[in-house]
Amino acid sequence: MLEISSGKVVRVIALAREFGSDNRQLRNYVSSLNEDEQISLVALTWIGRESFEADEAADAMHTARQEMTLPTDGYLARIPNLADYLEDGMEALGIGVADAEDHLRD
């Protein structure tokens, strides 16, 4: 399964929505994540854009790990609908974005 907390994904979504996917704040945040978390973001993005189905999350993670050639922050910065894909990916996996956002406020 994914190796990133829903709170961190929600943070990426919030940064992408507020500043766009190609912004310094988002790139700095993504580059500060460990490799497994970055791979999980890529896999989640692919699930959200329907390159993989939710039940193929392990395959998406494996593929993301194998195809990792660019820095992840640069790769994600080139995806204009990043926030939507991440949100859709979370929903596909049964993780409510609103619930994760509520936990950030606690």
PDB file of N, CA and C in Angstrom:
ATOM      1  N   MET A   1       0.838  -1.183   0.000  1.00  0.00           N
ATOM      2  CA  MET A   1       0.000   0.000   0.000  1.00  0.00           C
ATOM      3  C   MET A   1       0.880   1.243   0.000  1.00  0.00           C
ATOM      4  N   LEU A   2       0.261   2.375  -0.008  1.00  0.00           N
ATOM      5  CA  LEU A   2       0.998   3.633  -0.046  1.00  0.00           C
ATOM      6  C   LEU A   2       1.775   3.848   1.251  1.00  0.00           C
ATOM      7  N   GLU A   3       2.906   4.479   1.118  1.00  0.00           N
ATOM      8  CA  GLU A   3       3.780   4.708   2.264  1.00  0.00           C
ATOM      9  C   GLU A   3       3.926   6.206   2.541  1.00  0.00           C
ATOM     10  N   ILE A   4       2.767   6.869   2.652  1.00  0.00           N
ATOM     11  CA  ILE A   4       2.734   8.287   2.970  1.00  0.00           C
ATOM     12  C   ILE A   4       1.453   8.553   3.752  1.00  0.00           C
ATOM     13  N   SER A   5       1.534   9.438   4.705  1.00  0.00           N
ATOM     14  CA  SER A   5       0.339   9.740   5.496  1.00  0.00           C
ATOM     15  C   SER A   5      -0.645  10.566   4.670  1.00  0.00           C
ATOM     16  N   SER A   6      -1.913  10.416   4.980  1.00  0.00           N
ATOM     17  CA  SER A   6      -2.921  11.196   4.268  1.00  0.00           C
ATOM     18  C   SER A   6      -2.729  12.685   4.536  1.00  0.00           C
ATOM     19  N   GLY A   7      -2.227  13.033   5.713  1.00  0.00           N
ATOM     20  CA  GLY A   7      -1.974  14.431   6.029  1.00  0.00           C
ATOM     21  C   GLY A   7      -0.943  15.060   5.102  1.00  0.00           C
ATOM     22  N   LYS A   8       0.088  14.297   4.761  1.00  0.00           N
ATOM     23  CA  LYS A   8       1.109  14.811   3.846  1.00  0.00           C
ATOM     24  C   LYS A   8       0.545  14.969   2.438  1.00  0.00           C
ATOM     25  N   VAL A   9      -0.297  14.034   2.023  1.00  0.00           N
ATOM     26  CA  VAL A   9      -0.924  14.151   0.707  1.00  0.00           C
ATOM     27  C   VAL A   9      -1.826  15.378   0.670  1.00  0.00           C
ATOM     28  N   VAL A  10      -2.591  15.578   1.726  1.00  0.00           N
ATOM     29  CA  VAL A  10      -3.474  16.748   1.787  1.00  0.00           C
ATOM     30  C   VAL A  10      -2.644  18.030   1.743  1.00  0.00           C
ATOM     31  N   ARG A  11      -1.490  18.030   2.366  1.00  0.00           N
ATOM     32  CA  ARG A  11      -0.603  19.209   2.318  1.00  0.00           C
ATOM     33  C   ARG A  11      -0.169  19.483   0.882  1.00  0.00           C
ATOM     34  N   VAL A  12       0.185  18.446   0.136  1.00  0.00           N
ATOM     35  CA  VAL A  12       0.568  18.608  -1.266  1.00  0.00           C
ATOM     36  C   VAL A  12      -0.614  19.138  -2.070  1.00  0.00           C
ATOM     37  N   ILE A  13      -1.795  18.587  -1.832  1.00  0.00           N
ATOM     38  CA  ILE A  13      -3.002  19.050  -2.523  1.00  0.00           C
ATOM     39  C   ILE A  13      -3.229  20.532  -2.244  1.00  0.00           C
ATOM     40  N   ALA A  14      -3.123  20.911  -0.983  1.00  0.00           N
ATOM     41  CA  ALA A  14      -3.354  22.310  -0.602  1.00  0.00           C
ATOM     42  C   ALA A  14      -2.338  23.240  -1.263  1.00  0.00           C
ATOM     43  N   LEU A  15      -1.083  22.855  -1.278  1.00  0.00           N
ATOM     44  CA  LEU A  15      -0.049  23.678  -1.916  1.00  0.00           C
ATOM     45  C   LEU A  15      -0.291  23.792  -3.420  1.00  0.00           C
ATOM     46  N   ALA A  16      -0.668  22.681  -4.046  1.00  0.00           N
ATOM     47  CA  ALA A  16      -0.923  22.696  -5.494  1.00  0.00           C
ATOM     48  C   ALA A  16      -2.139  23.549  -5.826  1.00  0.00           C
ATOM     49  N   ARG A  17      -3.163  23.491  -4.981  1.00  0.00           N
ATOM     50  CA  ARG A  17      -4.367  24.299  -5.233  1.00  0.00           C
ATOM     51  C   ARG A  17      -4.082  25.788  -5.017  1.00  0.00           C
ATOM     52  N   GLU A  18      -3.314  26.098  -3.982  1.00  0.00           N
ATOM     53  CA  GLU A  18      -3.056  27.501  -3.656  1.00  0.00           C
ATOM     54  C   GLU A  18      -2.056  28.158  -4.602  1.00  0.00           C
ATOM     55  N   PHE A  19      -1.003  27.436  -4.949  1.00  0.00           N
ATOM     56  CA  PHE A  19       0.079  28.053  -5.716  1.00  0.00           C
ATOM     57  C   PHE A  19       0.289  27.467  -7.112  1.00  0.00           C
ATOM     58  N   GLY A  20      -0.432  26.383  -7.454  1.00  0.00           N
ATOM     59  CA  GLY A  20      -0.185  25.694  -8.719  1.00  0.00           C
ATOM     60  C   GLY A  20       0.830  24.592  -8.500  1.00  0.00           C
ATOM     61  N   SER A  21       0.878  23.648  -9.437  1.00  0.00           N
ATOM     62  CA  SER A  21       1.758  22.491  -9.234  1.00  0.00           C
ATOM     63  C   SER A  21       3.238  22.840  -9.387  1.00  0.00           C
ATOM     64  N   ASP A  22       3.550  23.888 -10.119  1.00  0.00           N
ATOM     65  CA  ASP A  22       4.949  24.260 -10.319  1.00  0.00           C
ATOM     66  C   ASP A  22       5.272  25.507  -9.503  1.00  0.00           C
ATOM     67  N   ASN A  23       5.411  25.308  -8.200  1.00  0.00           N
ATOM     68  CA  ASN A  23       5.759  26.424  -7.326  1.00  0.00           C
ATOM     69  C   ASN A  23       6.832  25.982  -6.341  1.00  0.00           C
ATOM     70  N   ARG A  24       7.552  26.920  -5.836  1.00  0.00           N
ATOM     71  CA  ARG A  24       8.684  26.632  -4.949  1.00  0.00           C
ATOM     72  C   ARG A  24       8.246  25.932  -3.671  1.00  0.00           C
ATOM     73  N   GLN A  25       7.140  26.385  -3.069  1.00  0.00           N
ATOM     74  CA  GLN A  25       6.695  25.785  -1.813  1.00  0.00           C
ATOM     75  C   GLN A  25       6.395  24.295  -1.992  1.00  0.00           C
ATOM     76  N   LEU A  26       5.674  23.964  -3.054  1.00  0.00           N
ATOM     77  CA  LEU A  26       5.335  22.567  -3.313  1.00  0.00           C
ATOM     78  C   LEU A  26       6.588  21.754  -3.611  1.00  0.00           C
ATOM     79  N   ARG A  27       7.442  22.284  -4.457  1.00  0.00           N
ATOM     80  CA  ARG A  27       8.668  21.549  -4.818  1.00  0.00           C
ATOM     81  C   ARG A  27       9.547  21.317  -3.598  1.00  0.00           C
ATOM     82  N   ASN A  28       9.676  22.318  -2.746  1.00  0.00           N
ATOM     83  CA  ASN A  28      10.481  22.156  -1.532  1.00  0.00           C
ATOM     84  C   ASN A  28       9.869  21.111  -0.602  1.00  0.00           C
ATOM     85  N   TYR A  29       8.543  21.148  -0.472  1.00  0.00           N
ATOM     86  CA  TYR A  29       7.880  20.193   0.403  1.00  0.00           C
ATOM     87  C   TYR A  29       8.068  18.764  -0.124  1.00  0.00           C
ATOM     88  N   VAL A  30       7.826  18.561  -1.417  1.00  0.00           N
ATOM     89  CA  VAL A  30       7.962  17.219  -2.000  1.00  0.00           C
ATOM     90  C   VAL A  30       9.406  16.736  -1.886  1.00  0.00           C
ATOM     91  N   SER A  31      10.359  17.602  -2.140  1.00  0.00           N
ATOM     92  CA  SER A  31      11.766  17.167  -2.076  1.00  0.00           C
ATOM     93  C   SER A  31      12.194  16.855  -0.637  1.00  0.00           C
ATOM     94  N   SER A  32      11.461  17.369   0.357  1.00  0.00           N
ATOM     95  CA  SER A  32      11.794  17.069   1.752  1.00  0.00           C
ATOM     96  C   SER A  32      11.255  15.708   2.203  1.00  0.00           C
ATOM     97  N   LEU A  33      10.360  15.125   1.415  1.00  0.00           N
ATOM     98  CA  LEU A  33       9.806  13.815   1.748  1.00  0.00           C
ATOM     99  C   LEU A  33      10.824  12.721   1.447  1.00  0.00           C
ATOM    100  N   ASN A  34      10.704  11.602   2.138  1.00  0.00           N
ATOM    101  CA  ASN A  34      11.622  10.502   1.840  1.00  0.00           C
ATOM    102  C   ASN A  34      11.216   9.826   0.531  1.00  0.00           C
ATOM    103  N   GLU A  35      12.073   8.955   0.036  1.00  0.00           N
ATOM    104  CA  GLU A  35      11.862   8.330  -1.273  1.00  0.00           C
ATOM    105  C   GLU A  35      10.552   7.550  -1.343  1.00  0.00           C
ATOM    106  N   ASP A  36      10.231   6.791  -0.302  1.00  0.00           N
ATOM    107  CA  ASP A  36       8.987   6.012  -0.309  1.00  0.00           C
ATOM    108  C   ASP A  36       7.766   6.926  -0.371  1.00  0.00           C
ATOM    109  N   GLU A  37       7.815   8.046   0.329  1.00  0.00           N
ATOM    110  CA  GLU A  37       6.702   8.997   0.296  1.00  0.00           C
ATOM    111  C   GLU A  37       6.569   9.624  -1.093  1.00  0.00           C
ATOM    112  N   GLN A  38       7.689   9.953  -1.714  1.00  0.00           N
ATOM    113  CA  GLN A  38       7.651  10.532  -3.056  1.00  0.00           C
ATOM    114  C   GLN A  38       7.104   9.525  -4.068  1.00  0.00           C
ATOM    115  N   ILE A  39       7.524   8.286  -3.952  1.00  0.00           N
ATOM    116  CA  ILE A  39       7.020   7.239  -4.844  1.00  0.00           C
ATOM    117  C   ILE A  39       5.517   7.053  -4.632  1.00  0.00           C
ATOM    118  N   SER A  40       5.081   7.124  -3.401  1.00  0.00           N
ATOM    119  CA  SER A  40       3.655   7.004  -3.105  1.00  0.00           C
ATOM    120  C   SER A  40       2.859   8.135  -3.734  1.00  0.00           C
ATOM    121  N   LEU A  41       3.399   9.352  -3.722  1.00  0.00           N
ATOM    122  CA  LEU A  41       2.722  10.482  -4.369  1.00  0.00           C
ATOM    123  C   LEU A  41       2.556  10.241  -5.862  1.00  0.00           C
ATOM    124  N   VAL A  42       3.600   9.737  -6.495  1.00  0.00           N
ATOM    125  CA  VAL A  42       3.527   9.455  -7.930  1.00  0.00           C
ATOM    126  C   VAL A  42       2.487   8.370  -8.192  1.00  0.00           C
ATOM    127  N   ALA A  43       2.533   7.294  -7.413  1.00  0.00           N
ATOM    128  CA  ALA A  43       1.566   6.206  -7.585  1.00  0.00           C
ATOM    129  C   ALA A  43       0.140   6.703  -7.376  1.00  0.00           C
ATOM    130  N   LEU A  44      -0.056   7.513  -6.365  1.00  0.00           N
ATOM    131  CA  LEU A  44      -1.380   8.062  -6.085  1.00  0.00           C
ATOM    132  C   LEU A  44      -1.855   8.960  -7.219  1.00  0.00           C
ATOM    133  N   THR A  45      -0.954   9.734  -7.784  1.00  0.00           N
ATOM    134  CA  THR A  45      -1.285  10.575  -8.936  1.00  0.00           C
ATOM    135  C   THR A  45      -1.733   9.711 -10.107  1.00  0.00           C
ATOM    136  N   TRP A  46      -1.012   8.632 -10.357  1.00  0.00           N
ATOM    137  CA  TRP A  46      -1.366   7.737 -11.462  1.00  0.00           C
ATOM    138  C   TRP A  46      -2.705   7.061 -11.236  1.00  0.00           C
ATOM    139  N   ILE A  47      -3.005   6.701  -9.997  1.00  0.00           N
ATOM    140  CA  ILE A  47      -4.313   6.116  -9.684  1.00  0.00           C
ATOM    141  C   ILE A  47      -5.399   7.162  -9.908  1.00  0.00           C
ATOM    142  N   GLY A  48      -5.143   8.387  -9.509  1.00  0.00           N
ATOM    143  CA  GLY A  48      -6.114   9.465  -9.682  1.00  0.00           C
ATOM    144  C   GLY A  48      -6.390   9.812 -11.133  1.00  0.00           C
ATOM    145  N   ARG A  49      -5.400   9.660 -11.991  1.00  0.00           N
ATOM    146  CA  ARG A  49      -5.621   9.950 -13.403  1.00  0.00           C
ATOM    147  C   ARG A  49      -6.018   8.696 -14.187  1.00  0.00           C
ATOM    148  N   GLU A  50      -6.224   7.611 -13.442  1.00  0.00           N
ATOM    149  CA  GLU A  50      -6.728   6.336 -13.955  1.00  0.00           C
ATOM    150  C   GLU A  50      -5.749   5.600 -14.860  1.00  0.00           C
ATOM    151  N   SER A  51      -4.455   5.833 -14.647  1.00  0.00           N
ATOM    152  CA  SER A  51      -3.439   5.012 -15.319  1.00  0.00           C
ATOM    153  C   SER A  51      -3.366   3.637 -14.654  1.00  0.00           C
ATOM    154  N   PHE A  52      -3.731   3.589 -13.376  1.00  0.00           N
ATOM    155  CA  PHE A  52      -3.837   2.355 -12.600  1.00  0.00           C
ATOM    156  C   PHE A  52      -5.158   2.403 -11.852  1.00  0.00           C
ATOM    157  N   GLU A  53      -5.734   1.233 -11.614  1.00  0.00           N
ATOM    158  CA  GLU A  53      -6.937   1.129 -10.795  1.00  0.00           C
ATOM    159  C   GLU A  53      -6.520   1.083  -9.322  1.00  0.00           C
ATOM    160  N   ALA A  54      -7.458   1.347  -8.448  1.00  0.00           N
ATOM    161  CA  ALA A  54      -7.165   1.343  -7.014  1.00  0.00           C
ATOM    162  C   ALA A  54      -6.604   0.002  -6.556  1.00  0.00           C
ATOM    163  N   ASP A  55      -7.115  -1.104  -7.104  1.00  0.00           N
ATOM    164  CA  ASP A  55      -6.627  -2.421  -6.692  1.00  0.00           C
ATOM    165  C   ASP A  55      -5.256  -2.752  -7.277  1.00  0.00           C
ATOM    166  N   GLU A  56      -4.707  -1.836  -8.068  1.00  0.00           N
ATOM    167  CA  GLU A  56      -3.372  -1.999  -8.643  1.00  0.00           C
ATOM    168  C   GLU A  56      -2.355  -1.066  -7.965  1.00  0.00           C
ATOM    169  N   ALA A  57      -2.662  -0.642  -6.750  1.00  0.00           N
ATOM    170  CA  ALA A  57      -1.788   0.304  -6.046  1.00  0.00           C
ATOM    171  C   ALA A  57      -0.367  -0.242  -5.891  1.00  0.00           C
ATOM    172  N   ALA A  58      -0.241  -1.525  -5.595  1.00  0.00           N
ATOM    173  CA  ALA A  58       1.095  -2.123  -5.454  1.00  0.00           C
ATOM    174  C   ALA A  58       1.850  -2.070  -6.775  1.00  0.00           C
ATOM    175  N   ASP A  59       1.144  -2.322  -7.882  1.00  0.00           N
ATOM    176  CA  ASP A  59       1.778  -2.231  -9.203  1.00  0.00           C
ATOM    177  C   ASP A  59       2.185  -0.793  -9.511  1.00  0.00           C
ATOM    178  N   ALA A  60       1.334   0.162  -9.139  1.00  0.00           N
ATOM    179  CA  ALA A  60       1.654   1.580  -9.356  1.00  0.00           C
ATOM    180  C   ALA A  60       2.900   1.961  -8.563  1.00  0.00           C
ATOM    181  N   MET A  61       2.996   1.494  -7.324  1.00  0.00           N
ATOM    182  CA  MET A  61       4.178   1.773  -6.499  1.00  0.00           C
ATOM    183  C   MET A  61       5.425   1.162  -7.130  1.00  0.00           C
ATOM    184  N   HIS A  62       5.320  -0.080  -7.560  1.00  0.00           N
ATOM    185  CA  HIS A  62       6.463  -0.761  -8.178  1.00  0.00           C
ATOM    186  C   HIS A  62       6.915  -0.028  -9.445  1.00  0.00           C
ATOM    187  N   THR A  63       5.961   0.346 -10.280  1.00  0.00           N
ATOM    188  CA  THR A  63       6.283   1.056 -11.519  1.00  0.00           C
ATOM    189  C   THR A  63       6.903   2.411 -11.225  1.00  0.00           C
ATOM    190  N   ALA A  64       6.350   3.133 -10.257  1.00  0.00           N
ATOM    191  CA  ALA A  64       6.898   4.446  -9.892  1.00  0.00           C
ATOM    192  C   ALA A  64       8.340   4.298  -9.416  1.00  0.00           C
ATOM    193  N   ARG A  65       8.616   3.270  -8.647  1.00  0.00           N
ATOM    194  CA  ARG A  65       9.974   3.042  -8.155  1.00  0.00           C
ATOM    195  C   ARG A  65      10.920   2.714  -9.320  1.00  0.00           C
ATOM    196  N   GLN A  66      10.445   1.889 -10.244  1.00  0.00           N
ATOM    197  CA  GLN A  66      11.276   1.476 -11.374  1.00  0.00           C
ATOM    198  C   GLN A  66      11.540   2.606 -12.365  1.00  0.00           C
ATOM    199  N   GLU A  67      10.563   3.483 -12.522  1.00  0.00           N
ATOM    200  CA  GLU A  67      10.675   4.541 -13.526  1.00  0.00           C
ATOM    201  C   GLU A  67      11.185   5.870 -12.964  1.00  0.00           C
ATOM    202  N   MET A  68      11.601   5.878 -11.730  1.00  0.00           N
ATOM    203  CA  MET A  68      12.067   7.105 -11.086  1.00  0.00           C
ATOM    204  C   MET A  68      13.391   7.550 -11.725  1.00  0.00           C
ATOM    205  N   THR A  69      13.308   8.547 -12.596  1.00  0.00           N
ATOM    206  CA  THR A  69      14.509   9.059 -13.255  1.00  0.00           C
ATOM    207  C   THR A  69      14.731  10.533 -12.964  1.00  0.00           C
ATOM    208  N   LEU A  70      13.662  11.289 -12.889  1.00  0.00           N
ATOM    209  CA  LEU A  70      13.751  12.716 -12.574  1.00  0.00           C
ATOM    210  C   LEU A  70      13.522  12.912 -11.085  1.00  0.00           C
ATOM    211  N   PRO A  71      13.975  14.025 -10.541  1.00  0.00           N
ATOM    212  CA  PRO A  71      13.546  14.329  -9.178  1.00  0.00           C
ATOM    213  C   PRO A  71      12.011  14.406  -9.144  1.00  0.00           C
ATOM    214  N   THR A  72      11.419  13.814  -8.129  1.00  0.00           N
ATOM    215  CA  THR A  72       9.964  13.724  -8.046  1.00  0.00           C
ATOM    216  C   THR A  72       9.303  15.092  -8.039  1.00  0.00           C
ATOM    217  N   ASP A  73       9.911  16.048  -7.335  1.00  0.00           N
ATOM    218  CA  ASP A  73       9.302  17.375  -7.290  1.00  0.00           C
ATOM    219  C   ASP A  73       9.208  17.978  -8.690  1.00  0.00           C
ATOM    220  N   GLY A  74      10.199  17.758  -9.537  1.00  0.00           N
ATOM    221  CA  GLY A  74      10.164  18.257 -10.912  1.00  0.00           C
ATOM    222  C   GLY A  74       9.128  17.531 -11.755  1.00  0.00           C
ATOM    223  N   TYR A  75       9.023  16.218 -11.562  1.00  0.00           N
ATOM    224  CA  TYR A  75       8.030  15.439 -12.303  1.00  0.00           C
ATOM    225  C   TYR A  75       6.617  15.903 -11.956  1.00  0.00           C
ATOM    226  N   LEU A  76       6.321  16.005 -10.671  1.00  0.00           N
ATOM    227  CA  LEU A  76       4.975  16.405 -10.251  1.00  0.00           C
ATOM    228  C   LEU A  76       4.672  17.851 -10.636  1.00  0.00           C
ATOM    229  N   ALA A  77       5.680  18.688 -10.672  1.00  0.00           N
ATOM    230  CA  ALA A  77       5.484  20.100 -11.034  1.00  0.00           C
ATOM    231  C   ALA A  77       4.969  20.252 -12.456  1.00  0.00           C
ATOM    232  N   ARG A  78       5.217  19.256 -13.294  1.00  0.00           N
ATOM    233  CA  ARG A  78       4.786  19.333 -14.695  1.00  0.00           C
ATOM    234  C   ARG A  78       3.367  18.804 -14.902  1.00  0.00           C
ATOM    235  N   ILE A  79       2.672  18.467 -13.839  1.00  0.00           N
ATOM    236  CA  ILE A  79       1.314  17.918 -13.941  1.00  0.00           C
ATOM    237  C   ILE A  79       0.324  18.999 -13.521  1.00  0.00           C
ATOM    238  N   PRO A  80      -0.333  19.647 -14.490  1.00  0.00           N
ATOM    239  CA  PRO A  80      -1.211  20.773 -14.157  1.00  0.00           C
ATOM    240  C   PRO A  80      -2.387  20.427 -13.248  1.00  0.00           C
ATOM    241  N   ASN A  81      -2.924  19.236 -13.325  1.00  0.00           N
ATOM    242  CA  ASN A  81      -4.081  18.838 -12.505  1.00  0.00           C
ATOM    243  C   ASN A  81      -3.661  17.998 -11.311  1.00  0.00           C
ATOM    244  N   LEU A  82      -2.480  18.232 -10.799  1.00  0.00           N
ATOM    245  CA  LEU A  82      -1.932  17.411  -9.724  1.00  0.00           C
ATOM    246  C   LEU A  82      -2.876  17.299  -8.535  1.00  0.00           C
ATOM    247  N   ALA A  83      -3.391  18.405  -8.058  1.00  0.00           N
ATOM    248  CA  ALA A  83      -4.275  18.374  -6.881  1.00  0.00           C
ATOM    249  C   ALA A  83      -5.500  17.498  -7.136  1.00  0.00           C
ATOM    250  N   ASP A  84      -6.101  17.627  -8.305  1.00  0.00           N
ATOM    251  CA  ASP A  84      -7.279  16.818  -8.635  1.00  0.00           C
ATOM    252  C   ASP A  84      -6.928  15.335  -8.695  1.00  0.00           C
ATOM    253  N   TYR A  85      -5.791  15.015  -9.327  1.00  0.00           N
ATOM    254  CA  TYR A  85      -5.382  13.609  -9.426  1.00  0.00           C
ATOM    255  C   TYR A  85      -5.116  13.003  -8.051  1.00  0.00           C
ATOM    256  N   LEU A  86      -4.443  13.753  -7.188  1.00  0.00           N
ATOM    257  CA  LEU A  86      -4.175  13.243  -5.841  1.00  0.00           C
ATOM    258  C   LEU A  86      -5.474  13.037  -5.068  1.00  0.00           C
ATOM    259  N   GLU A  87      -6.371  13.998  -5.175  1.00  0.00           N
ATOM    260  CA  GLU A  87      -7.659  13.865  -4.487  1.00  0.00           C
ATOM    261  C   GLU A  87      -8.446  12.680  -5.032  1.00  0.00           C
ATOM    262  N   ASP A  88      -8.478  12.534  -6.344  1.00  0.00           N
ATOM    263  CA  ASP A  88      -9.186  11.405  -6.959  1.00  0.00           C
ATOM    264  C   ASP A  88      -8.539  10.077  -6.570  1.00  0.00           C
ATOM    265  N   GLY A  89      -7.212  10.060  -6.498  1.00  0.00           N
ATOM    266  CA  GLY A  89      -6.505   8.849  -6.097  1.00  0.00           C
ATOM    267  C   GLY A  89      -6.841   8.458  -4.670  1.00  0.00           C
ATOM    268  N   MET A  90      -6.886   9.436  -3.785  1.00  0.00           N
ATOM    269  CA  MET A  90      -7.261   9.153  -2.405  1.00  0.00           C
ATOM    270  C   MET A  90      -8.682   8.615  -2.316  1.00  0.00           C
ATOM    271  N   GLU A  91      -9.586   9.246  -3.045  1.00  0.00           N
ATOM    272  CA  GLU A  91     -10.980   8.786  -3.039  1.00  0.00           C
ATOM    273  C   GLU A  91     -11.078   7.367  -3.591  1.00  0.00           C
ATOM    274  N   ALA A  92     -10.320   7.055  -4.649  1.00  0.00           N
ATOM    275  CA  ALA A  92     -10.344   5.711  -5.243  1.00  0.00           C
ATOM    276  C   ALA A  92      -9.877   4.657  -4.238  1.00  0.00           C
ATOM    277  N   LEU A  93      -8.968   5.060  -3.347  1.00  0.00           N
ATOM    278  CA  LEU A  93      -8.462   4.138  -2.330  1.00  0.00           C
ATOM    279  C   LEU A  93      -9.307   4.148  -1.057  1.00  0.00           C
ATOM    280  N   GLY A  94     -10.391   4.928  -1.082  1.00  0.00           N
ATOM    281  CA  GLY A  94     -11.284   4.968   0.065  1.00  0.00           C
ATOM    282  C   GLY A  94     -10.811   5.870   1.187  1.00  0.00           C
ATOM    283  N   ILE A  95      -9.923   6.798   0.870  1.00  0.00           N
ATOM    284  CA  ILE A  95      -9.416   7.744   1.865  1.00  0.00           C
ATOM    285  C   ILE A  95     -10.097   9.076   1.615  1.00  0.00           C
ATOM    286  N   GLY A  96     -10.910   9.518   2.545  1.00  0.00           N
ATOM    287  CA  GLY A  96     -11.630  10.775   2.378  1.00  0.00           C
ATOM    288  C   GLY A  96     -10.724  11.969   2.591  1.00  0.00           C
ATOM    289  N   VAL A  97     -10.624  12.822   1.611  1.00  0.00           N
ATOM    290  CA  VAL A  97      -9.789  14.018   1.721  1.00  0.00           C
ATOM    291  C   VAL A  97     -10.320  14.924   2.819  1.00  0.00           C
ATOM    292  N   ALA A  98     -11.634  15.074   2.908  1.00  0.00           N
ATOM    293  CA  ALA A  98     -12.218  15.940   3.936  1.00  0.00           C
ATOM    294  C   ALA A  98     -11.862  15.431   5.326  1.00  0.00           C
ATOM    295  N   ASP A  99     -11.882  14.106   5.516  1.00  0.00           N
ATOM    296  CA  ASP A  99     -11.512  13.527   6.812  1.00  0.00           C
ATOM    297  C   ASP A  99     -10.057  13.824   7.140  1.00  0.00           C
ATOM    298  N   ALA A 100      -9.183  13.685   6.149  1.00  0.00           N
ATOM    299  CA  ALA A 100      -7.759  13.955   6.357  1.00  0.00           C
ATOM    300  C   ALA A 100      -7.535  15.432   6.663  1.00  0.00           C
ATOM    301  N   GLU A 101      -8.277  16.303   5.984  1.00  0.00           N
ATOM    302  CA  GLU A 101      -8.159  17.737   6.258  1.00  0.00           C
ATOM    303  C   GLU A 101      -8.616  18.059   7.681  1.00  0.00           C
ATOM    304  N   ASP A 102      -9.672  17.386   8.140  1.00  0.00           N
ATOM    305  CA  ASP A 102     -10.163  17.609   9.493  1.00  0.00           C
ATOM    306  C   ASP A 102      -9.106  17.210  10.525  1.00  0.00           C
ATOM    307  N   HIS A 103      -8.379  16.121  10.275  1.00  0.00           N
ATOM    308  CA  HIS A 103      -7.340  15.680  11.205  1.00  0.00           C
ATOM    309  C   HIS A 103      -6.186  16.672  11.249  1.00  0.00           C
ATOM    310  N   LEU A 104      -5.941  17.380  10.168  1.00  0.00           N
ATOM    311  CA  LEU A 104      -4.874  18.384  10.162  1.00  0.00           C
ATOM    312  C   LEU A 104      -5.236  19.556  11.066  1.00  0.00           C
ATOM    313  N   ARG A 105      -6.515  19.811  11.198  1.00  0.00           N
ATOM    314  CA  ARG A 105      -6.972  20.939  12.019  1.00  0.00           C
ATOM    315  C   ARG A 105      -7.018  20.613  13.504  1.00  0.00           C
ATOM    316  N   ASP A 106      -7.037  19.303  13.820  1.00  0.00           N
ATOM    317  CA  ASP A 106      -7.124  18.880  15.239  1.00  0.00           C
ATOM    318  C   ASP A 106      -5.884  19.291  16.016  1.00  0.00           C
TER     319      ASP A 106
END
